Amino acid sequence: MTTTKIKRMSRMFPASFGGTHVQENVIGKHRASISRAQNLMLQSGLLIPSTPGIYHYMPFLQRSITKLINIIDRKLDEIDCDKVQLATLSPKKLWMQSNRWDGFGDELVRAKVLKKEFCLAPTHEEAISDVVSKFGRNLSHVQLPVKLYQITNKYRAELEPKHGLLRCREFIMKDLYTFDADREHAVATYARVMQAYDEIFRHLELDIVKMKADGGLIGGDMTHEYHLIADVGEDRVAIDRATKAASGDLEQAGCDVHNTIELGHTFYLGTGYAAKFKATYLDAAKRNLPCEMGCYGLGVTRIIAAAVEDMSVENGMRWPKALAPYKVCVITPREGSGEFGGACELVEGGKLWEDLCRVVGDDVVWDDRHKKTIGWRMRHANLLGYPLVFVVGKDSGVGFVEVIKQVPKQEAESELVDINRIAEFTRSYFASYL
């Protein structure tokens, strides 16, 4: 018997209930949205609606979110960023100090607690500037840059939330804030963060379009946006046919205009917030000077939804290898079939399961809902989009299993693989994603 814990679909929520109840109750015979990701996440039960623009994340989706957070954490650790968690309730006085209590408009979610006014922070420039200001008398220029980030729920009172996690009222965002001594060093920090963003998106297999942008409600005189081309996107970007350079100027000659989804934004803020909140440092002459700031956002839940939007096929999700909730699914025959006992023994007896776990760790699940046919479970596996599906069926008696590769933007492909080569095959398939 295997000594490694077996993750069984029959014991998972909500997969053990069939995986289609959400489609019947929420989507019915008509699409709930023109977003493919939205429909597939609802159909599969990864996403459960609460109220318009607000969703509950179910276990499979939560695994993907955790994976993306871990990727971001590792990359930001490489450039010496420190993780914090700032208060979600932000007092009115901070936002009045920055002139954004009214300036942010109706999107700011306001609340009263014991007659005092707060907002549910959609971003934290005010809060982080206030934090750093408390250390101004002791923060030396030799300690700069300071790079503080968080990955937390954010809130915006979207007038018309749509497309599931692409435009919603509660979402998960990574926001990083940097503090430097002067413009030269702040621009160098900005460049290092942009490079980290490029590396994150490459690892996620997303073909990102990067362009200079307007500072908007955040501010700043140097900003860049990171976009993914998608029909469902609500932004518009012009891409030069010759140079491939992107721009927000849609009237340029020689350009193709695309709908896009904005996934990230970087801002060089200068001293605007630092001066207002007295976020200062001590220079070599012991003078208190305002820090040069930058802020950098990544929409965590939006990236996941956009990746599924970009990669999926009509009847099934497809994932970046780094973000798939589980990398591998194993399907065994229906109970009562001639191959049932031998196939289950391959899993529970240890050989197949141990080989897979040595390669992908806990990223493998056994679909043991044996009252259902192999065909039904293969269709459900296609819906959920595991990158690899191993079907232990009639060929297992002669030492082979069917391997289904669920490749982004393509229908599934299958081949037979020798049982003794499963670990080697899996390791090769995932290569740098293990």
Protein backbone atom coordinates (compact mmCIF):
# COMPACT_ATOMS: atom_id res chain seq x y z
CA MET A 1 0.00 0.00 0.00
CA THR A 2 1.13 3.56 -0.70
CA THR A 3 2.39 5.52 2.28
CA THR A 4 1.61 8.84 0.57
CA LYS A 5 -1.78 10.38 1.30
CA ILE A 6 -4.18 9.91 -1.61
CA LYS A 7 -6.35 12.89 -2.53
CA ARG A 8 -9.71 11.53 -3.64
CA MET A 9 -12.25 13.45 -5.71
CA SER A 10 -15.06 11.58 -3.97
CA ARG A 11 -14.19 13.41 -0.75
CA MET A 12 -13.65 16.87 -2.18
CA PHE A 13 -16.01 19.83 -2.09
CA PRO A 14 -17.83 20.55 -4.34
CA ALA A 15 -16.54 17.99 -6.87
CA SER A 16 -18.17 15.08 -5.05
CA PHE A 17 -21.58 16.55 -5.90
CA GLY A 18 -21.11 16.13 -9.63
CA GLY A 19 -19.63 19.43 -10.71
CA THR A 20 -22.57 20.64 -12.79
CA HIS A 21 -25.08 21.85 -10.19
CA VAL A 22 -23.79 25.41 -10.41
CA GLN A 23 -24.32 25.49 -14.15
CA GLU A 24 -27.90 24.29 -13.81
CA ASN A 25 -28.78 26.70 -11.01
CA VAL A 26 -26.87 29.80 -12.11
CA ILE A 27 -26.28 29.62 -15.85
CA GLY A 28 -29.14 27.36 -16.90
CA LYS A 29 -29.50 27.02 -20.67
CA HIS A 30 -28.06 30.48 -21.30
CA ARG A 31 -24.65 31.95 -20.72
CA ALA A 32 -24.29 34.07 -17.61
CA SER A 33 -21.56 36.18 -19.20
CA ILE A 34 -19.65 36.61 -22.43
CA SER A 35 -16.54 35.74 -20.42
CA ARG A 36 -15.45 32.16 -21.03
CA ALA A 37 -13.55 32.10 -17.73
CA GLN A 38 -16.64 33.25 -15.85
CA ASN A 39 -18.83 30.56 -17.37
CA LEU A 40 -16.34 27.74 -16.88
CA MET A 41 -15.60 28.73 -13.27
CA LEU A 42 -19.31 28.81 -12.47
CA GLN A 43 -19.99 25.58 -14.30
CA SER A 44 -17.20 23.76 -12.50
CA GLY A 45 -18.08 25.14 -9.06
CA LEU A 46 -14.72 26.91 -8.62
CA LEU A 47 -16.54 30.18 -8.09
CA ILE A 48 -19.79 30.69 -6.17
CA PRO A 49 -21.66 34.02 -6.49
CA SER A 50 -22.58 35.88 -3.32
CA THR A 51 -23.99 39.16 -4.63
CA PRO A 52 -23.17 41.04 -7.88
CA GLY A 53 -19.42 41.50 -8.08
CA ILE A 54 -18.69 39.43 -4.96
CA TYR A 55 -17.75 35.74 -5.03
CA HIS A 56 -16.75 32.86 -2.79
CA TYR A 57 -13.60 31.00 -3.88
CA MET A 58 -13.93 27.21 -3.65
CA PRO A 59 -11.03 24.82 -2.86
CA PHE A 60 -9.79 24.24 -6.42
CA LEU A 61 -9.66 27.96 -7.17
CA GLN A 62 -8.10 28.68 -3.79
CA ARG A 63 -5.23 26.32 -4.66
CA SER A 64 -4.57 28.33 -7.82
CA ILE A 65 -4.69 31.60 -5.88
CA THR A 66 -2.22 30.22 -3.32
CA LYS A 67 0.14 29.13 -6.10
CA LEU A 68 0.13 32.58 -7.68
CA ILE A 69 0.71 34.25 -4.32
CA ASN A 70 3.69 31.93 -3.72
CA ILE A 71 5.14 32.81 -7.14
CA ILE A 72 4.81 36.52 -6.40
CA ASP A 73 6.28 36.09 -2.90
CA ARG A 74 9.34 34.26 -4.26
CA LYS A 75 9.97 36.81 -7.00
CA LEU A 76 9.61 39.82 -4.69
CA ASP A 77 11.86 38.16 -2.13
CA GLU A 78 14.55 37.97 -4.84
CA ILE A 79 14.53 41.78 -5.08
CA ASP A 80 14.52 42.24 -1.28
CA CYS A 81 10.90 43.18 -0.68
CA ASP A 82 9.35 42.64 2.75
CA LYS A 83 5.76 41.49 3.21
CA VAL A 84 3.35 43.31 5.51
CA GLN A 85 -0.39 43.44 6.08
CA LEU A 86 -1.99 46.86 6.32
CA ALA A 87 -5.38 47.56 7.87
CA THR A 88 -8.33 47.21 5.51
CA LEU A 89 -10.34 49.86 7.35
CA SER A 90 -8.62 53.14 6.54
CA PRO A 91 -9.64 56.31 8.47
CA LYS A 92 -11.13 59.25 6.61
CA LYS A 93 -8.49 61.63 7.94
CA LEU A 94 -5.74 59.89 5.95
CA TRP A 95 -7.73 60.16 2.73
CA MET A 96 -8.60 63.78 3.41
CA GLN A 97 -4.88 64.45 3.84
CA SER A 98 -4.20 63.11 0.34
CA ASN A 99 -7.32 64.79 -1.13
CA ARG A 100 -8.62 61.41 -2.28
CA TRP A 101 -11.63 61.02 0.05
CA ASP A 102 -13.67 63.00 -2.47
CA GLY A 103 -11.29 62.62 -5.40
CA PHE A 104 -11.66 58.85 -5.56
CA GLY A 105 -15.37 59.30 -6.28
CA ASP A 106 -18.18 56.80 -5.89
CA GLU A 107 -15.86 53.77 -6.24
CA LEU A 108 -14.60 54.28 -2.67
CA VAL A 109 -16.46 51.96 -0.29
CA ARG A 110 -17.21 54.02 2.82
CA ALA A 111 -18.24 52.78 6.26
CA LYS A 112 -18.96 54.13 9.74
CA VAL A 113 -17.66 52.48 12.88
CA LEU A 114 -18.90 54.01 16.16
CA LYS A 115 -19.74 57.21 14.26
CA LYS A 116 -16.21 57.52 12.85
CA GLU A 117 -15.79 57.42 9.07
CA PHE A 118 -13.57 54.91 7.28
CA CYS A 119 -13.19 53.39 3.84
CA LEU A 120 -12.43 49.83 2.80
CA ALA A 121 -9.10 50.60 1.21
CA PRO A 122 -8.90 49.93 -2.54
CA THR A 123 -5.20 50.84 -2.35
CA HIS A 124 -2.81 51.84 0.45
CA GLU A 125 -0.63 54.81 -0.54
CA GLU A 126 -1.98 56.81 2.40
CA ALA A 127 -1.58 54.04 4.94
CA ILE A 128 1.95 53.01 3.93
CA SER A 129 3.12 56.65 3.82
CA ASP A 130 1.71 57.13 7.32
CA VAL A 131 3.54 54.00 8.52
CA VAL A 132 6.90 55.12 7.12
CA SER A 133 6.40 58.63 8.54
CA LYS A 134 6.53 57.18 12.04
CA PHE A 135 10.16 56.13 11.43
CA GLY A 136 11.38 59.30 9.74
CA ARG A 137 13.63 60.40 12.60
CA ASN A 138 15.48 57.08 12.52
CA LEU A 139 15.28 56.00 8.87
CA SER A 140 18.76 56.50 7.45
CA HIS A 141 19.61 56.92 3.76
CA VAL A 142 21.82 53.82 4.07
CA GLN A 143 18.70 51.74 4.85
CA LEU A 144 17.00 52.75 1.62
CA PRO A 145 15.36 51.54 -0.49
CA VAL A 146 12.54 50.28 1.69
CA LYS A 147 10.23 47.92 -0.24
CA LEU A 148 7.02 46.86 1.49
CA TYR A 149 4.20 44.86 -0.08
CA GLN A 150 1.04 43.00 0.80
CA ILE A 151 -1.37 40.60 -0.91
CA THR A 152 -4.83 41.26 0.48
CA ASN A 153 -8.48 41.71 -0.39
CA LYS A 154 -9.35 45.08 -1.88
CA TYR A 155 -12.73 46.73 -2.40
CA ARG A 156 -14.23 49.03 -5.02
CA ALA A 157 -17.87 50.03 -5.48
CA GLU A 158 -17.97 49.06 -9.16
CA LEU A 159 -21.14 50.45 -10.70
CA GLU A 160 -21.45 47.59 -13.18
CA PRO A 161 -19.41 44.55 -12.11
CA LYS A 162 -19.13 42.03 -14.90
CA HIS A 163 -17.19 39.04 -16.23
CA GLY A 164 -16.69 37.40 -12.85
CA LEU A 165 -13.24 38.03 -11.40
CA LEU A 166 -12.28 40.36 -14.25
CA ARG A 167 -14.32 43.25 -12.89
CA CYS A 168 -15.69 42.81 -9.39
CA ARG A 169 -16.23 44.63 -6.11
CA GLU A 170 -14.00 42.48 -3.92
CA PHE A 171 -10.74 41.11 -5.26
CA ILE A 172 -7.22 40.07 -4.24
CA MET A 173 -4.38 42.40 -5.18
CA LYS A 174 -0.67 42.61 -4.61
CA ASP A 175 0.42 46.17 -3.86
CA LEU A 176 4.08 47.06 -3.38
CA TYR A 177 5.36 50.43 -2.14
CA THR A 178 8.97 51.55 -2.40
CA PHE A 179 10.85 54.41 -0.73
CA ASP A 180 14.14 55.76 -2.11
CA ALA A 181 16.45 58.69 -1.34
CA ASP A 182 16.35 60.39 -4.75
CA ARG A 183 14.94 60.12 -8.24
CA GLU A 184 17.95 58.25 -9.65
CA HIS A 185 17.65 55.45 -7.10
CA ALA A 186 13.85 55.42 -7.30
CA VAL A 187 13.99 54.95 -11.09
CA ALA A 188 16.48 52.09 -10.63
CA THR A 189 14.09 50.45 -8.14
CA TYR A 190 11.25 50.98 -10.60
CA ALA A 191 13.24 49.20 -13.32
CA ARG A 192 14.00 46.23 -11.03
CA VAL A 193 10.32 45.82 -10.15
CA MET A 194 9.35 46.00 -13.84
CA GLN A 195 11.87 43.26 -14.58
CA ALA A 196 10.35 41.13 -11.80
CA TYR A 197 6.91 41.65 -13.35
CA ASP A 198 8.21 40.55 -16.74
CA GLU A 199 9.63 37.38 -15.18
CA ILE A 200 6.38 36.60 -13.34
CA PHE A 201 4.31 36.89 -16.51
CA ARG A 202 6.78 34.76 -18.50
CA HIS A 203 6.56 32.06 -15.85
CA LEU A 204 2.76 32.20 -16.15
CA GLU A 205 3.03 31.71 -19.94
CA LEU A 206 1.11 34.93 -20.56
CA ASP A 207 1.94 37.05 -23.61
CA ILE A 208 1.78 40.46 -21.97
CA VAL A 209 1.65 43.82 -23.73
CA LYS A 210 3.37 46.56 -21.72
CA MET A 211 2.81 50.27 -22.38
CA LYS A 212 3.28 53.71 -20.85
CA ALA A 213 0.13 54.97 -19.19
CA ASP A 214 -1.61 57.73 -17.29
CA GLY A 215 -1.30 57.95 -13.49
CA GLY A 216 -5.08 58.28 -12.98
CA LEU A 217 -6.32 58.29 -9.38
CA ILE A 218 -2.97 57.04 -8.05
CA GLY A 219 -0.81 59.75 -9.62
CA GLY A 220 2.81 59.74 -10.70
CA ASP A 221 4.74 61.05 -13.71
CA MET A 222 5.99 57.65 -14.95
CA THR A 223 3.63 54.70 -15.13
CA HIS A 224 3.29 51.46 -17.11
CA GLU A 225 0.38 49.09 -17.61
CA TYR A 226 0.53 45.36 -18.29
CA HIS A 227 -2.22 44.06 -20.58
CA LEU A 228 -3.35 40.71 -21.95
CA ILE A 229 -5.13 40.74 -25.31
CA ALA A 230 -8.63 39.28 -24.93
CA ASP A 231 -11.94 39.80 -26.71
CA VAL A 232 -13.72 40.23 -23.38
CA GLY A 233 -11.30 42.92 -22.24
CA GLU A 234 -12.65 46.40 -21.56
CA ASP A 235 -9.43 48.32 -22.27
CA ARG A 236 -8.23 49.20 -25.77
CA VAL A 237 -4.59 49.15 -26.83
CA ALA A 238 -2.99 50.03 -30.17
CA ILE A 239 -0.05 47.83 -31.23
CA ASP A 240 2.30 49.00 -33.97
CA ARG A 241 2.47 46.39 -36.74
CA ALA A 242 6.16 46.99 -37.38
CA THR A 243 7.67 47.61 -33.94
CA LYS A 244 5.05 45.81 -31.79
CA ALA A 245 5.15 48.81 -29.45
CA ALA A 246 1.90 49.35 -27.52
CA SER A 247 0.12 52.62 -26.91
CA GLY A 248 -3.14 54.00 -25.62
CA ASP A 249 -3.37 56.27 -28.70
CA LEU A 250 -5.93 54.41 -30.80
CA GLU A 251 -5.72 56.82 -33.75
CA GLN A 252 -2.13 56.04 -34.72
CA ALA A 253 -1.49 54.94 -38.28
CA GLY A 254 0.01 51.51 -38.84
CA CYS A 255 -1.48 50.05 -35.66
CA ASP A 256 -3.92 47.28 -34.84
CA VAL A 257 -6.32 47.99 -31.98
CA HIS A 258 -7.10 45.18 -29.53
CA ASN A 259 -9.37 44.67 -26.55
CA THR A 260 -7.24 43.93 -23.49
CA ILE A 261 -7.42 43.09 -19.79
CA GLU A 262 -5.17 45.16 -17.53
CA LEU A 263 -3.34 42.84 -15.12
CA GLY A 264 -0.75 45.10 -13.54
CA HIS A 265 0.26 48.74 -13.15
CA THR A 266 3.47 50.40 -11.96
CA PHE A 267 3.78 54.03 -10.81
CA TYR A 268 6.74 56.25 -10.04
CA LEU A 269 5.13 58.66 -7.57
CA GLY A 270 7.95 61.05 -6.70
CA THR A 271 7.56 62.88 -3.38
CA GLY A 272 3.84 63.70 -3.59
CA TYR A 273 2.54 61.33 -0.93
CA ALA A 274 5.76 61.42 1.09
CA ALA A 275 5.61 65.21 1.46
CA LYS A 276 1.95 65.19 2.50
CA PHE A 277 2.46 62.48 5.12
CA LYS A 278 6.01 63.43 6.14
CA ALA A 279 7.43 60.07 5.05
CA THR A 280 11.04 61.19 5.37
CA TYR A 281 14.55 59.83 5.81
CA LEU A 282 17.82 61.22 7.21
CA ASP A 283 20.43 62.05 4.58
CA ALA A 284 24.21 62.05 5.18
CA ALA A 285 23.96 65.56 6.65
CA LYS A 286 21.21 64.43 9.07
CA ARG A 287 18.52 66.41 7.26
CA ASN A 288 14.96 65.07 7.08
CA LEU A 289 14.00 64.79 3.38
CA PRO A 290 10.89 63.31 1.74
CA CYS A 291 11.29 59.86 0.23
CA GLU A 292 10.87 59.23 -3.49
CA MET A 293 8.05 56.68 -3.76
CA GLY A 294 6.86 54.06 -6.20
CA CYS A 295 3.81 51.81 -6.08
CA TYR A 296 3.16 48.64 -8.03
CA GLY A 297 -0.03 46.62 -8.35
CA LEU A 298 -0.86 43.14 -9.60
CA GLY A 299 -4.44 41.88 -9.73
CA VAL A 300 -4.06 38.37 -8.31
CA THR A 301 -7.58 37.08 -8.91
CA ARG A 302 -7.79 38.99 -12.17
CA ILE A 303 -4.58 37.36 -13.45
CA ILE A 304 -6.04 33.92 -12.76
CA ALA A 305 -9.32 34.74 -14.49
CA ALA A 306 -7.50 36.32 -17.43
CA ALA A 307 -5.23 33.29 -17.83
CA VAL A 308 -8.26 30.98 -17.92
CA GLU A 309 -9.98 33.40 -20.34
CA ASP A 310 -6.96 33.38 -22.64
CA MET A 311 -6.07 29.69 -22.56
CA SER A 312 -9.38 27.81 -22.29
CA VAL A 313 -11.37 26.03 -24.97
CA GLU A 314 -15.14 26.19 -25.31
CA ASN A 315 -15.95 23.30 -22.97
CA GLY A 316 -12.94 23.19 -20.70
CA MET A 317 -10.59 25.32 -18.67
CA ARG A 318 -6.92 25.45 -19.51
CA TRP A 319 -4.30 26.74 -17.09
CA PRO A 320 -0.71 27.90 -17.02
CA LYS A 321 1.26 24.93 -15.74
CA ALA A 322 2.31 26.98 -12.73
CA LEU A 323 -1.29 27.79 -11.71
CA ALA A 324 -3.34 24.65 -12.39
CA PRO A 325 -5.13 23.69 -9.13
CA TYR A 326 -3.76 20.17 -9.60
CA LYS A 327 -1.15 19.25 -12.19
CA VAL A 328 -2.27 15.64 -12.57
CA CYS A 329 -5.53 13.67 -12.33
CA VAL A 330 -5.72 9.87 -12.29
CA ILE A 331 -8.90 8.18 -13.51
CA THR A 332 -9.62 4.49 -12.89
CA PRO A 333 -12.43 2.34 -14.38
CA ARG A 334 -16.03 2.20 -13.29
CA GLU A 335 -16.84 -0.08 -10.38
CA GLY A 336 -17.83 -3.55 -11.61
CA SER A 337 -15.78 -3.43 -14.80
CA GLY A 338 -13.19 -6.10 -15.53
CA GLU A 339 -10.29 -3.70 -15.13
CA PHE A 340 -11.53 -2.08 -11.90
CA GLY A 341 -9.61 -4.12 -9.32
CA GLY A 342 -6.27 -4.13 -11.09
CA ALA A 343 -6.41 -0.43 -11.88
CA CYS A 344 -7.22 0.53 -8.30
CA GLU A 345 -4.39 -1.66 -7.08
CA LEU A 346 -1.98 0.32 -9.25
CA VAL A 347 -3.04 3.45 -7.38
CA GLU A 348 -3.56 2.16 -3.85
CA GLY A 349 -0.78 -0.40 -4.14
CA GLY A 350 1.67 2.43 -4.46
CA LYS A 351 3.51 2.15 -7.79
CA LEU A 352 1.59 4.69 -9.87
CA TRP A 353 0.79 7.06 -7.02
CA GLU A 354 4.27 7.05 -5.51
CA ASP A 355 5.85 7.71 -8.93
CA LEU A 356 3.60 10.71 -9.53
CA CYS A 357 4.00 12.13 -6.02
CA ARG A 358 7.78 11.95 -6.31
CA VAL A 359 7.51 14.30 -9.29
CA VAL A 360 4.61 16.68 -8.53
CA GLY A 361 4.26 16.34 -4.74
CA ASP A 362 0.68 16.92 -3.60
CA ASP A 363 -0.37 18.19 -7.03
CA VAL A 364 -2.07 14.93 -8.02
CA VAL A 365 -5.68 13.87 -7.41
CA TRP A 366 -7.45 10.53 -7.93
CA ASP A 367 -10.93 10.71 -9.46
CA ASP A 368 -12.34 7.72 -7.60
CA ARG A 369 -16.03 8.49 -8.23
CA HIS A 370 -16.42 4.95 -9.47
CA LYS A 371 -20.19 5.06 -9.88
CA LYS A 372 -19.53 7.33 -12.87
CA THR A 373 -18.19 6.08 -16.19
CA ILE A 374 -14.64 6.80 -17.33
CA GLY A 375 -16.12 8.95 -20.11
CA TRP A 376 -18.10 11.10 -17.66
CA ARG A 377 -15.04 11.65 -15.50
CA MET A 378 -12.88 12.45 -18.54
CA ARG A 379 -15.38 15.14 -19.53
CA HIS A 380 -15.25 16.54 -16.00
CA ALA A 381 -11.43 16.43 -16.08
CA ASN A 382 -11.58 18.37 -19.35
CA LEU A 383 -13.83 20.96 -17.70
CA LEU A 384 -11.44 21.38 -14.76
CA GLY A 385 -8.43 21.50 -17.07
CA TYR A 386 -5.76 19.37 -15.34
CA PRO A 387 -2.64 19.67 -17.54
CA LEU A 388 -2.19 15.87 -17.44
CA VAL A 389 -4.84 13.17 -17.02
CA PHE A 390 -3.76 9.52 -16.59
CA VAL A 391 -6.52 7.06 -17.51
CA VAL A 392 -5.78 3.63 -16.04
CA GLY A 393 -8.07 1.52 -18.20
CA LYS A 394 -7.97 -1.52 -20.45
CA ASP A 395 -4.36 -0.89 -21.50
CA SER A 396 -3.09 -1.10 -17.92
CA GLY A 397 -3.25 -4.89 -18.14
CA VAL A 398 -0.47 -4.80 -20.70
CA GLY A 399 1.58 -2.16 -18.89
CA PHE A 400 0.31 1.09 -20.40
CA VAL A 401 -1.86 4.02 -19.35
CA GLU A 402 -3.53 6.61 -21.54
CA VAL A 403 -2.18 10.11 -20.97
CA ILE A 404 -4.34 13.08 -21.95
CA LYS A 405 -2.51 16.38 -22.35
CA GLN A 406 -4.84 19.36 -21.90
CA VAL A 407 -2.87 22.03 -23.70
CA PRO A 408 -3.73 25.76 -23.58
CA LYS A 409 -5.92 26.96 -26.48
CA GLN A 410 -6.22 23.42 -27.89
CA GLU A 411 -8.46 20.41 -27.59
CA ALA A 412 -6.99 17.56 -25.55
CA GLU A 413 -4.35 15.24 -27.03
CA SER A 414 -3.72 11.66 -25.87
CA GLU A 415 -1.09 8.96 -26.12
CA LEU A 416 -0.15 5.69 -24.44
CA VAL A 417 2.74 5.68 -21.98
CA ASP A 418 4.51 2.73 -20.37
CA ILE A 419 3.58 2.58 -16.66
CA ASN A 420 7.28 2.36 -15.78
CA ARG A 421 7.91 5.66 -17.60
CA ILE A 422 5.18 7.71 -15.93
CA ALA A 423 7.53 9.57 -13.57
CA GLU A 424 9.97 10.34 -16.39
CA PHE A 425 7.12 11.48 -18.69
CA THR A 426 5.60 13.74 -16.03
CA ARG A 427 8.92 15.28 -15.05
CA SER A 428 9.70 16.05 -18.67
CA TYR A 429 6.25 17.53 -19.31
CA PHE A 430 6.39 20.00 -16.43
CA ALA A 431 10.15 20.67 -16.70
CA SER A 432 10.75 24.08 -15.06
CA TYR A 433 7.31 24.17 -13.36
CA LEU A 434 8.12 21.70 -10.57
